[in-house]
N, C-alpha and C. Protein backbone atom coordinates (compact mmCIF):
# COMPACT_ATOMS: atom_id res chain seq x y z
N UNK A 1 76.37 49.07 88.12
CA UNK A 1 75.60 50.27 88.39
C UNK A 1 74.90 50.19 89.74
N UNK A 2 74.24 49.04 90.02
CA UNK A 2 73.52 48.94 91.29
C UNK A 2 74.47 48.93 92.47
N UNK A 3 75.70 48.44 92.26
CA UNK A 3 76.68 48.46 93.34
C UNK A 3 77.21 49.86 93.58
N UNK A 4 77.39 50.62 92.51
CA UNK A 4 77.93 51.98 92.63
C UNK A 4 76.96 52.91 93.34
N UNK A 5 75.67 52.82 92.98
CA UNK A 5 74.69 53.77 93.52
C UNK A 5 73.77 53.16 94.58
N UNK A 6 73.95 51.87 94.86
CA UNK A 6 73.11 51.18 95.85
C UNK A 6 71.63 51.30 95.51
N UNK A 7 71.32 51.17 94.22
CA UNK A 7 69.94 51.24 93.76
C UNK A 7 69.64 50.01 92.90
N UNK A 8 68.41 49.54 92.94
CA UNK A 8 68.06 48.39 92.10
C UNK A 8 68.03 48.78 90.62
N UNK A 9 68.38 47.86 89.75
CA UNK A 9 68.35 48.09 88.31
C UNK A 9 67.24 47.23 87.71
N UNK A 10 66.33 47.89 86.99
CA UNK A 10 65.22 47.17 86.37
C UNK A 10 65.54 47.01 84.88
N UNK A 11 65.82 45.79 84.43
CA UNK A 11 66.21 45.60 83.03
C UNK A 11 65.02 45.64 82.08
N UNK A 12 65.18 46.39 80.99
CA UNK A 12 64.15 46.50 79.97
C UNK A 12 64.79 46.34 78.60
N UNK A 13 64.19 45.52 77.75
CA UNK A 13 64.64 45.39 76.36
C UNK A 13 63.64 46.13 75.47
N UNK A 14 64.17 47.04 74.62
CA UNK A 14 63.32 47.76 73.67
C UNK A 14 63.52 47.12 72.29
N UNK A 15 62.47 46.51 71.76
CA UNK A 15 62.53 45.87 70.44
C UNK A 15 62.04 46.87 69.39
N UNK A 16 62.93 47.23 68.47
CA UNK A 16 62.58 48.26 67.48
C UNK A 16 62.41 47.70 66.07
N UNK A 17 62.42 46.38 65.93
CA UNK A 17 62.31 45.80 64.59
C UNK A 17 60.88 45.96 64.05
N UNK A 18 60.75 45.89 62.72
CA UNK A 18 59.44 46.00 62.08
C UNK A 18 58.67 44.67 62.14
N UNK A 19 59.40 43.57 61.96
CA UNK A 19 58.80 42.24 62.03
C UNK A 19 59.72 41.32 62.81
N UNK A 20 59.21 40.28 63.44
CA UNK A 20 57.80 39.89 63.50
C UNK A 20 57.00 40.76 64.46
N UNK A 21 55.68 40.68 64.35
CA UNK A 21 54.81 41.44 65.25
C UNK A 21 54.32 40.60 66.43
N UNK A 22 54.67 39.33 66.42
CA UNK A 22 54.29 38.47 67.55
C UNK A 22 55.06 38.89 68.80
N UNK A 23 54.45 38.70 69.95
CA UNK A 23 55.08 39.09 71.21
C UNK A 23 56.36 38.29 71.44
N UNK A 24 57.41 39.01 71.78
CA UNK A 24 58.71 38.38 71.98
C UNK A 24 58.87 37.93 73.44
N UNK A 25 59.77 36.99 73.63
CA UNK A 25 60.00 36.45 74.97
C UNK A 25 60.65 37.49 75.88
N UNK A 26 60.39 37.36 77.17
CA UNK A 26 60.94 38.32 78.14
C UNK A 26 61.99 37.68 79.05
N UNK A 27 62.64 36.63 78.54
CA UNK A 27 63.71 36.03 79.35
C UNK A 27 64.77 35.44 78.43
N UNK A 28 65.94 35.29 79.00
CA UNK A 28 67.05 34.64 78.30
C UNK A 28 67.61 33.58 79.24
N UNK A 29 67.77 32.35 78.71
CA UNK A 29 68.19 31.26 79.59
C UNK A 29 69.31 30.47 78.92
N UNK A 30 70.32 30.13 79.71
CA UNK A 30 71.39 29.24 79.26
C UNK A 30 71.34 28.00 80.13
N UNK A 31 71.09 26.86 79.51
CA UNK A 31 70.98 25.64 80.31
C UNK A 31 71.63 24.45 79.62
N UNK A 32 72.06 23.53 80.43
CA UNK A 32 72.66 22.28 79.98
C UNK A 32 71.79 21.14 80.48
N UNK A 33 72.01 19.93 80.00
CA UNK A 33 71.17 18.81 80.45
C UNK A 33 71.13 18.65 81.97
N UNK A 34 72.22 19.01 82.63
CA UNK A 34 72.26 18.78 84.08
C UNK A 34 72.15 20.06 84.90
N UNK A 35 72.10 21.24 84.19
CA UNK A 35 72.14 22.46 85.00
C UNK A 35 71.71 23.69 84.20
N UNK A 36 70.99 24.59 84.85
CA UNK A 36 70.71 25.91 84.28
C UNK A 36 71.72 26.88 84.86
N UNK A 37 72.55 27.49 83.99
CA UNK A 37 73.62 28.35 84.49
C UNK A 37 73.24 29.83 84.49
N UNK A 38 72.19 30.16 83.72
CA UNK A 38 71.78 31.57 83.69
C UNK A 38 70.30 31.68 83.35
N UNK A 39 69.59 32.47 84.12
CA UNK A 39 68.22 32.84 83.79
C UNK A 39 68.10 34.35 83.99
N UNK A 40 67.72 35.02 82.91
CA UNK A 40 67.67 36.48 82.96
C UNK A 40 66.28 36.94 82.55
N UNK A 41 65.56 37.55 83.47
CA UNK A 41 64.22 38.08 83.21
C UNK A 41 64.30 39.58 82.99
N UNK A 42 63.53 40.08 82.04
CA UNK A 42 63.54 41.53 81.78
C UNK A 42 62.17 41.96 81.26
N UNK A 43 61.85 43.21 81.47
CA UNK A 43 60.64 43.77 80.88
C UNK A 43 60.88 44.02 79.40
N UNK A 44 59.82 44.04 78.62
CA UNK A 44 59.99 44.32 77.19
C UNK A 44 59.08 45.46 76.75
N UNK A 45 59.59 46.26 75.84
CA UNK A 45 58.81 47.28 75.14
C UNK A 45 58.94 46.93 73.66
N UNK A 46 57.89 46.40 73.09
CA UNK A 46 57.92 45.99 71.68
C UNK A 46 57.21 47.07 70.87
N UNK A 47 58.00 47.91 70.20
CA UNK A 47 57.45 49.10 69.56
C UNK A 47 56.41 48.80 68.50
N UNK A 48 56.60 47.71 67.74
CA UNK A 48 55.65 47.44 66.66
C UNK A 48 54.29 46.95 67.16
N UNK A 49 54.14 46.81 68.48
CA UNK A 49 52.84 46.46 69.05
C UNK A 49 52.15 47.68 69.68
N UNK A 50 52.84 48.82 69.65
CA UNK A 50 52.28 50.04 70.24
C UNK A 50 51.66 50.92 69.15
N UNK A 51 50.57 51.60 69.50
CA UNK A 51 49.91 52.51 68.57
C UNK A 51 50.49 53.91 68.77
N UNK A 52 51.03 54.48 67.72
CA UNK A 52 51.67 55.79 67.81
C UNK A 52 50.72 56.88 68.30
N UNK A 53 49.42 56.73 68.01
CA UNK A 53 48.45 57.76 68.41
C UNK A 53 48.33 57.88 69.93
N UNK A 54 48.66 56.81 70.65
CA UNK A 54 48.57 56.84 72.11
C UNK A 54 49.63 57.74 72.74
N UNK A 55 50.60 58.17 71.95
CA UNK A 55 51.72 58.95 72.51
C UNK A 55 51.74 60.39 72.00
N UNK A 56 50.68 60.78 71.28
CA UNK A 56 50.66 62.11 70.67
C UNK A 56 50.71 63.24 71.69
N UNK A 57 50.11 63.05 72.85
CA UNK A 57 50.02 64.12 73.84
C UNK A 57 51.10 64.03 74.92
N UNK A 58 52.02 63.10 74.76
CA UNK A 58 53.07 62.95 75.77
C UNK A 58 54.27 63.81 75.40
N UNK A 59 54.49 64.86 76.17
CA UNK A 59 55.61 65.75 75.90
C UNK A 59 56.89 65.13 76.45
N UNK A 60 57.34 64.13 75.74
CA UNK A 60 58.47 63.34 76.19
C UNK A 60 59.37 63.08 74.98
N UNK A 61 60.65 63.46 75.06
CA UNK A 61 61.53 63.28 73.89
C UNK A 61 61.68 61.83 73.45
N UNK A 62 61.62 60.89 74.40
CA UNK A 62 61.73 59.48 74.04
C UNK A 62 60.51 59.04 73.24
N UNK A 63 59.33 59.51 73.65
CA UNK A 63 58.11 59.18 72.91
C UNK A 63 58.20 59.73 71.50
N UNK A 64 58.71 60.94 71.37
CA UNK A 64 58.84 61.56 70.05
C UNK A 64 59.73 60.73 69.13
N UNK A 65 60.82 60.22 69.67
CA UNK A 65 61.74 59.42 68.87
C UNK A 65 61.16 58.06 68.54
N UNK A 66 60.61 57.38 69.54
CA UNK A 66 60.19 55.99 69.36
C UNK A 66 58.89 55.84 68.58
N UNK A 67 58.10 56.90 68.46
CA UNK A 67 56.89 56.83 67.64
C UNK A 67 57.23 56.41 66.22
N UNK A 68 58.43 56.75 65.77
CA UNK A 68 58.85 56.44 64.40
C UNK A 68 58.96 54.94 64.15
N UNK A 69 59.02 54.14 65.21
CA UNK A 69 59.17 52.69 65.06
C UNK A 69 57.95 51.92 65.57
N UNK A 70 56.87 52.64 65.87
CA UNK A 70 55.68 51.97 66.38
C UNK A 70 54.84 51.42 65.22
N UNK A 71 53.68 50.87 65.56
CA UNK A 71 52.79 50.29 64.56
C UNK A 71 52.15 51.41 63.75
N UNK A 72 52.58 51.56 62.50
CA UNK A 72 52.13 52.67 61.66
C UNK A 72 51.54 52.12 60.36
N UNK A 73 50.30 52.51 60.06
CA UNK A 73 49.71 52.14 58.77
C UNK A 73 50.47 52.89 57.67
N UNK A 74 50.67 52.28 56.52
CA UNK A 74 51.45 52.93 55.44
C UNK A 74 50.98 54.35 55.13
N UNK A 75 49.67 54.59 55.13
CA UNK A 75 49.16 55.93 54.79
C UNK A 75 49.40 56.96 55.89
N UNK A 76 49.77 56.50 57.08
CA UNK A 76 49.99 57.42 58.21
C UNK A 76 51.46 57.86 58.35
N UNK A 77 52.34 57.31 57.54
CA UNK A 77 53.78 57.58 57.71
C UNK A 77 54.13 59.08 57.69
N UNK A 78 53.64 59.87 56.72
CA UNK A 78 53.95 61.31 56.73
C UNK A 78 53.40 62.02 57.97
N UNK A 79 52.18 61.61 58.39
CA UNK A 79 51.55 62.21 59.57
C UNK A 79 52.38 61.92 60.82
N UNK A 80 52.85 60.67 60.95
CA UNK A 80 53.64 60.31 62.14
C UNK A 80 54.93 61.10 62.18
N UNK A 81 55.60 61.24 61.04
CA UNK A 81 56.86 61.98 61.02
C UNK A 81 56.63 63.44 61.42
N UNK A 82 55.57 64.04 60.92
CA UNK A 82 55.29 65.43 61.28
C UNK A 82 54.93 65.54 62.75
N UNK A 83 54.19 64.56 63.29
CA UNK A 83 53.81 64.61 64.70
C UNK A 83 55.01 64.39 65.62
N UNK A 84 55.95 63.55 65.19
CA UNK A 84 57.19 63.38 65.96
C UNK A 84 57.90 64.73 66.12
N UNK A 85 57.95 65.47 65.03
CA UNK A 85 58.64 66.77 65.06
C UNK A 85 57.82 67.82 65.81
N UNK A 86 56.49 67.74 65.71
CA UNK A 86 55.66 68.67 66.48
C UNK A 86 55.89 68.47 67.98
N UNK A 87 55.98 67.20 68.39
CA UNK A 87 56.27 66.92 69.79
C UNK A 87 57.63 67.51 70.19
N UNK A 88 58.62 67.31 69.33
CA UNK A 88 59.94 67.85 69.62
C UNK A 88 59.90 69.37 69.76
N UNK A 89 59.08 70.00 68.93
CA UNK A 89 59.01 71.47 68.94
C UNK A 89 58.41 72.01 70.24
N UNK A 90 57.65 71.18 70.96
CA UNK A 90 57.06 71.62 72.23
C UNK A 90 58.05 71.53 73.38
N UNK A 91 59.15 70.81 73.17
CA UNK A 91 60.12 70.59 74.24
C UNK A 91 61.29 71.56 74.11
N UNK A 92 61.78 71.99 75.21
CA UNK A 92 62.93 72.90 75.19
C UNK A 92 64.21 72.10 75.40
N UNK A 93 64.63 71.45 74.33
CA UNK A 93 65.84 70.63 74.40
C UNK A 93 67.03 71.42 73.91
N UNK A 94 68.21 71.04 74.40
CA UNK A 94 69.40 71.71 73.89
C UNK A 94 69.65 71.21 72.47
N UNK A 95 70.42 71.97 71.68
CA UNK A 95 70.61 71.63 70.26
C UNK A 95 71.14 70.21 70.02
N UNK A 96 72.02 69.74 70.90
CA UNK A 96 72.60 68.41 70.71
C UNK A 96 71.53 67.32 70.84
N UNK A 97 70.67 67.44 71.88
CA UNK A 97 69.60 66.46 72.07
C UNK A 97 68.58 66.54 70.93
N UNK A 98 68.27 67.77 70.52
CA UNK A 98 67.33 67.95 69.42
C UNK A 98 67.84 67.28 68.15
N UNK A 99 69.13 67.46 67.87
CA UNK A 99 69.72 66.87 66.67
C UNK A 99 69.72 65.35 66.75
N UNK A 100 70.03 64.81 67.92
CA UNK A 100 70.09 63.36 68.08
C UNK A 100 68.71 62.72 67.88
N UNK A 101 67.70 63.29 68.54
CA UNK A 101 66.36 62.70 68.47
C UNK A 101 65.75 62.89 67.08
N UNK A 102 65.89 64.09 66.52
CA UNK A 102 65.33 64.31 65.18
C UNK A 102 66.05 63.45 64.15
N UNK A 103 67.34 63.19 64.37
CA UNK A 103 68.08 62.32 63.47
C UNK A 103 67.54 60.90 63.50
N UNK A 104 67.18 60.43 64.67
CA UNK A 104 66.57 59.10 64.82
C UNK A 104 65.28 59.03 64.01
N UNK A 105 64.45 60.07 64.12
CA UNK A 105 63.18 60.10 63.39
C UNK A 105 63.43 60.08 61.88
N UNK A 106 64.40 60.86 61.43
CA UNK A 106 64.67 60.94 59.99
C UNK A 106 65.20 59.61 59.45
N UNK A 107 66.05 58.96 60.21
CA UNK A 107 66.63 57.69 59.76
C UNK A 107 65.57 56.59 59.68
N UNK A 108 64.71 56.52 60.69
CA UNK A 108 63.76 55.41 60.77
C UNK A 108 62.42 55.68 60.09
N UNK A 109 62.21 56.91 59.60
CA UNK A 109 60.98 57.18 58.86
C UNK A 109 61.34 57.91 57.56
N UNK A 110 62.03 57.22 56.68
CA UNK A 110 62.36 57.78 55.37
C UNK A 110 61.11 57.80 54.50
N UNK A 111 60.81 58.95 53.89
CA UNK A 111 59.61 59.09 53.09
C UNK A 111 59.95 59.14 51.60
N UNK A 112 59.03 58.66 50.78
CA UNK A 112 59.22 58.81 49.34
C UNK A 112 58.72 60.21 48.93
N UNK A 113 58.82 60.54 47.64
CA UNK A 113 58.51 61.90 47.19
C UNK A 113 57.05 62.26 47.46
N UNK A 114 56.14 61.32 47.21
CA UNK A 114 54.72 61.60 47.45
C UNK A 114 54.46 61.82 48.94
N UNK A 115 55.09 61.01 49.78
CA UNK A 115 54.93 61.16 51.22
C UNK A 115 55.53 62.47 51.71
N UNK A 116 56.62 62.91 51.09
CA UNK A 116 57.26 64.18 51.48
C UNK A 116 56.29 65.35 51.27
N UNK A 117 55.52 65.31 50.20
CA UNK A 117 54.56 66.38 49.94
C UNK A 117 53.48 66.41 51.01
N UNK A 118 53.00 65.24 51.42
CA UNK A 118 52.00 65.17 52.49
C UNK A 118 52.61 65.66 53.80
N UNK A 119 53.86 65.26 54.05
CA UNK A 119 54.59 65.67 55.25
C UNK A 119 54.67 67.20 55.33
N UNK A 120 55.00 67.85 54.22
CA UNK A 120 55.10 69.32 54.19
C UNK A 120 53.73 69.96 54.44
N UNK A 121 52.69 69.35 53.88
CA UNK A 121 51.34 69.88 54.09
C UNK A 121 50.93 69.77 55.56
N UNK A 122 51.34 68.69 56.21
CA UNK A 122 51.03 68.51 57.65
C UNK A 122 51.74 69.57 58.48
N UNK A 123 53.00 69.85 58.15
CA UNK A 123 53.76 70.86 58.88
C UNK A 123 53.11 72.23 58.73
N UNK A 124 52.57 72.50 57.55
CA UNK A 124 51.95 73.80 57.28
C UNK A 124 50.73 74.05 58.17
N UNK A 125 50.18 73.00 58.76
CA UNK A 125 49.01 73.14 59.65
C UNK A 125 49.41 73.54 61.07
N UNK A 126 50.68 73.43 61.41
CA UNK A 126 51.13 73.73 62.77
C UNK A 126 51.03 75.23 63.04
N UNK A 127 50.91 75.58 64.33
CA UNK A 127 50.99 76.99 64.69
C UNK A 127 52.38 77.50 64.33
N UNK A 128 52.47 78.78 64.05
CA UNK A 128 53.66 79.35 63.41
C UNK A 128 54.94 79.11 64.21
N UNK A 129 54.87 79.18 65.53
CA UNK A 129 56.07 79.00 66.36
C UNK A 129 56.62 77.58 66.19
N UNK A 130 55.74 76.59 66.27
CA UNK A 130 56.17 75.19 66.11
C UNK A 130 56.62 74.93 64.68
N UNK A 131 55.95 75.58 63.74
CA UNK A 131 56.30 75.42 62.34
C UNK A 131 57.75 75.86 62.10
N UNK A 132 58.13 76.96 62.71
CA UNK A 132 59.50 77.48 62.55
C UNK A 132 60.53 76.51 63.11
N UNK A 133 60.25 75.94 64.29
CA UNK A 133 61.17 74.99 64.90
C UNK A 133 61.32 73.75 64.02
N UNK A 134 60.19 73.25 63.53
CA UNK A 134 60.20 72.05 62.69
C UNK A 134 60.96 72.31 61.39
N UNK A 135 60.77 73.48 60.80
CA UNK A 135 61.46 73.79 59.56
C UNK A 135 62.97 73.89 59.77
N UNK A 136 63.38 74.36 60.94
CA UNK A 136 64.82 74.37 61.27
C UNK A 136 65.37 72.96 61.30
N UNK A 137 64.60 72.03 61.88
CA UNK A 137 65.02 70.62 61.94
C UNK A 137 65.15 70.05 60.53
N UNK A 138 64.12 70.28 59.70
CA UNK A 138 64.12 69.76 58.33
C UNK A 138 65.27 70.33 57.53
N UNK A 139 65.54 71.63 57.71
CA UNK A 139 66.66 72.27 57.02
C UNK A 139 67.98 71.64 57.44
N UNK A 140 68.12 71.32 58.73
CA UNK A 140 69.36 70.69 59.21
C UNK A 140 69.53 69.31 58.59
N UNK A 141 68.42 68.56 58.38
CA UNK A 141 68.49 67.26 57.71
C UNK A 141 69.01 67.43 56.29
N UNK A 142 68.46 68.43 55.59
CA UNK A 142 68.85 68.66 54.20
C UNK A 142 70.32 69.05 54.11
N UNK A 143 70.75 69.90 55.06
CA UNK A 143 72.14 70.34 55.06
C UNK A 143 73.07 69.17 55.36
N UNK A 144 72.66 68.30 56.29
CA UNK A 144 73.49 67.15 56.64
C UNK A 144 73.61 66.20 55.44
N UNK A 145 72.51 66.04 54.72
CA UNK A 145 72.55 65.19 53.53
C UNK A 145 73.46 65.76 52.46
N UNK A 146 73.38 67.07 52.25
CA UNK A 146 74.24 67.73 51.27
C UNK A 146 75.70 67.64 51.69
N UNK A 147 75.95 67.80 52.98
CA UNK A 147 77.31 67.73 53.49
C UNK A 147 77.93 66.35 53.24
N UNK A 148 77.15 65.29 53.45
CA UNK A 148 77.65 63.93 53.23
C UNK A 148 78.05 63.73 51.76
N UNK A 149 77.22 64.25 50.85
CA UNK A 149 77.52 64.12 49.42
C UNK A 149 78.79 64.87 49.07
N UNK A 150 78.93 66.09 49.58
CA UNK A 150 80.11 66.91 49.29
C UNK A 150 81.38 66.23 49.80
N UNK A 151 81.34 65.72 51.03
CA UNK A 151 82.52 65.06 51.59
C UNK A 151 82.87 63.80 50.80
N UNK A 152 81.86 63.08 50.37
CA UNK A 152 82.10 61.87 49.57
C UNK A 152 82.79 62.23 48.25
N UNK A 153 82.29 63.26 47.58
CA UNK A 153 82.87 63.67 46.29
C UNK A 153 84.30 64.17 46.49
N UNK A 154 84.51 64.97 47.52
CA UNK A 154 85.85 65.50 47.78
C UNK A 154 86.84 64.37 48.05
N UNK A 155 86.43 63.40 48.85
CA UNK A 155 87.33 62.28 49.14
C UNK A 155 87.64 61.46 47.90
N UNK A 156 86.66 61.30 47.02
CA UNK A 156 86.90 60.56 45.78
C UNK A 156 87.80 61.36 44.82
N UNK A 157 87.59 62.65 44.78
CA UNK A 157 88.29 63.50 43.80
C UNK A 157 89.69 63.90 44.25
N UNK A 158 89.82 64.19 45.56
CA UNK A 158 91.09 64.73 46.06
C UNK A 158 91.86 63.77 46.96
N UNK A 159 91.33 62.60 47.20
CA UNK A 159 91.94 61.70 48.18
C UNK A 159 91.37 62.02 49.55
N UNK A 160 91.67 61.21 50.52
CA UNK A 160 91.11 61.37 51.86
C UNK A 160 91.51 62.72 52.45
N UNK A 161 90.51 63.57 52.67
CA UNK A 161 90.83 64.90 53.21
C UNK A 161 91.08 64.81 54.71
N UNK A 162 91.84 65.74 55.23
CA UNK A 162 92.24 65.69 56.64
C UNK A 162 91.06 66.01 57.55
N UNK A 163 91.09 65.55 58.80
CA UNK A 163 90.02 65.89 59.76
C UNK A 163 89.87 67.39 59.94
N UNK A 164 90.98 68.12 59.87
CA UNK A 164 90.92 69.58 60.03
C UNK A 164 90.12 70.22 58.90
N UNK A 165 90.38 69.75 57.67
CA UNK A 165 89.64 70.30 56.53
C UNK A 165 88.16 69.91 56.61
N UNK A 166 87.89 68.69 57.02
CA UNK A 166 86.50 68.25 57.15
C UNK A 166 85.76 69.10 58.16
N UNK A 167 86.42 69.42 59.27
CA UNK A 167 85.79 70.25 60.30
C UNK A 167 85.48 71.65 59.76
N UNK A 168 86.40 72.20 58.96
CA UNK A 168 86.17 73.52 58.36
C UNK A 168 84.96 73.48 57.43
N UNK A 169 84.81 72.38 56.69
CA UNK A 169 83.67 72.24 55.78
C UNK A 169 82.38 72.13 56.57
N UNK A 170 82.43 71.41 57.69
CA UNK A 170 81.22 71.24 58.51
C UNK A 170 80.74 72.56 59.11
N UNK A 171 81.62 73.54 59.20
CA UNK A 171 81.24 74.82 59.77
C UNK A 171 80.61 75.77 58.75
N UNK A 172 80.57 75.35 57.49
CA UNK A 172 80.04 76.23 56.44
C UNK A 172 78.53 76.36 56.54
N UNK A 173 78.02 77.51 56.10
CA UNK A 173 76.58 77.73 56.06
C UNK A 173 75.98 77.00 54.87
N UNK A 174 74.65 76.96 54.82
CA UNK A 174 73.97 76.30 53.70
C UNK A 174 74.36 76.93 52.37
N UNK A 175 74.40 78.27 52.33
CA UNK A 175 74.77 78.97 51.09
C UNK A 175 76.21 78.65 50.69
N UNK A 176 77.11 78.62 51.67
CA UNK A 176 78.52 78.31 51.39
C UNK A 176 78.68 76.88 50.88
N UNK A 177 77.89 75.95 51.43
CA UNK A 177 77.93 74.56 50.95
C UNK A 177 77.49 74.48 49.49
N UNK A 178 76.47 75.26 49.15
CA UNK A 178 76.01 75.29 47.76
C UNK A 178 77.10 75.83 46.85
N UNK A 179 77.81 76.88 47.30
CA UNK A 179 78.92 77.44 46.52
C UNK A 179 80.04 76.42 46.37
N UNK A 180 80.30 75.68 47.44
CA UNK A 180 81.36 74.66 47.40
C UNK A 180 81.00 73.55 46.41
N UNK A 181 79.72 73.21 46.35
CA UNK A 181 79.27 72.17 45.41
C UNK A 181 79.65 72.55 43.98
N UNK A 182 79.50 73.83 43.64
CA UNK A 182 79.86 74.30 42.30
C UNK A 182 81.38 74.36 42.13
N UNK A 183 82.06 74.86 43.17
CA UNK A 183 83.51 75.10 43.06
C UNK A 183 84.32 73.81 43.01
N UNK A 184 83.88 72.78 43.73
CA UNK A 184 84.72 71.57 43.85
C UNK A 184 84.96 70.86 42.52
N UNK A 185 84.11 71.14 41.54
CA UNK A 185 84.30 70.52 40.23
C UNK A 185 85.61 70.93 39.58
N UNK A 186 86.13 72.11 39.99
CA UNK A 186 87.37 72.62 39.41
C UNK A 186 88.60 72.30 40.26
N UNK A 187 88.40 71.66 41.41
CA UNK A 187 89.53 71.34 42.28
C UNK A 187 90.32 70.16 41.70
N UNK A 188 91.64 70.28 41.79
CA UNK A 188 92.51 69.19 41.34
C UNK A 188 93.31 68.58 42.49
N UNK A 189 93.42 69.32 43.60
CA UNK A 189 94.18 68.83 44.76
C UNK A 189 93.62 69.49 46.01
N UNK A 190 94.08 69.02 47.17
CA UNK A 190 93.56 69.56 48.43
C UNK A 190 93.95 71.02 48.62
N UNK A 191 95.05 71.43 48.00
CA UNK A 191 95.46 72.83 48.10
C UNK A 191 94.41 73.75 47.48
N UNK A 192 93.76 73.27 46.42
CA UNK A 192 92.68 74.06 45.81
C UNK A 192 91.53 74.25 46.78
N UNK A 193 91.22 73.20 47.52
CA UNK A 193 90.17 73.28 48.54
C UNK A 193 90.54 74.26 49.63
N UNK A 194 91.79 74.18 50.10
CA UNK A 194 92.27 75.08 51.14
C UNK A 194 92.19 76.54 50.67
N UNK A 195 92.62 76.78 49.44
CA UNK A 195 92.58 78.14 48.89
C UNK A 195 91.15 78.66 48.84
N UNK A 196 90.23 77.77 48.43
CA UNK A 196 88.83 78.19 48.37
C UNK A 196 88.29 78.53 49.76
N UNK A 197 88.58 77.68 50.74
CA UNK A 197 88.13 77.92 52.11
C UNK A 197 88.72 79.20 52.69
N UNK A 198 89.99 79.45 52.38
CA UNK A 198 90.63 80.67 52.87
C UNK A 198 90.03 81.92 52.26
N UNK A 199 89.43 81.75 51.09
CA UNK A 199 88.93 82.92 50.38
C UNK A 199 87.49 83.29 50.66
N UNK A 200 86.79 82.48 51.44
CA UNK A 200 85.37 82.80 51.69
C UNK A 200 85.21 83.78 52.85
C-alpha cells in the first residue's frame, strides 16, 4: 500500500475480545538465540479498556459499531445497544453501510428477553425521526432472523435449494415471509416452492 500511494502506513491492532482486560502488548517479535529476524511495532486500540460513554457524542459510524465491544457494565447493555443505533440514526449512511454496521452491533450485543424490554423503552425516548430510523434497523434484524430460519427449514425439507430460488426468497417482504412460513409446511419438493413463488 505504501509503495502504491507513496504514503506512510501506520499499523493499528484493534482488540475486540471481552477478556483479558489487562493491557496487551504493542509489538510482535520473532527471534532466535543468535538473531532477531522480525520486530513489528503497532498502535493498539483495546476496546474493553474504553468507556462507551466517552463516544456518545461522536457522530462516527466506527464509534457506533465499536461501542458494542467496549467496557460495558451488565446493567448498561440495553442502553448501549440503543445508543449505538441512535448514533447510526444521526448519520446519513447508504443502506449497505447501515446494514453492515447495525449488523455488527446486533451480533456483538445480543440481549436477553428482559434486556430487550429495556432496549425498546430506551428507543421510545428518542425523538420521532430517529425512532423511525432505529425501528427500521430493528425490523431488518427481525426479518433477517426469520429469513435464516425459513431457508434452514426449506433446505432440510426440500434439499439444498438453488441460489436463484434463495435470491427470490430474499426479495420477499416481511408479510410474504410470514405467508411462506405457513405455506412451506405443505411443500414436498422444490417445484411446490416455485409454484408458490410464482403465485404471489
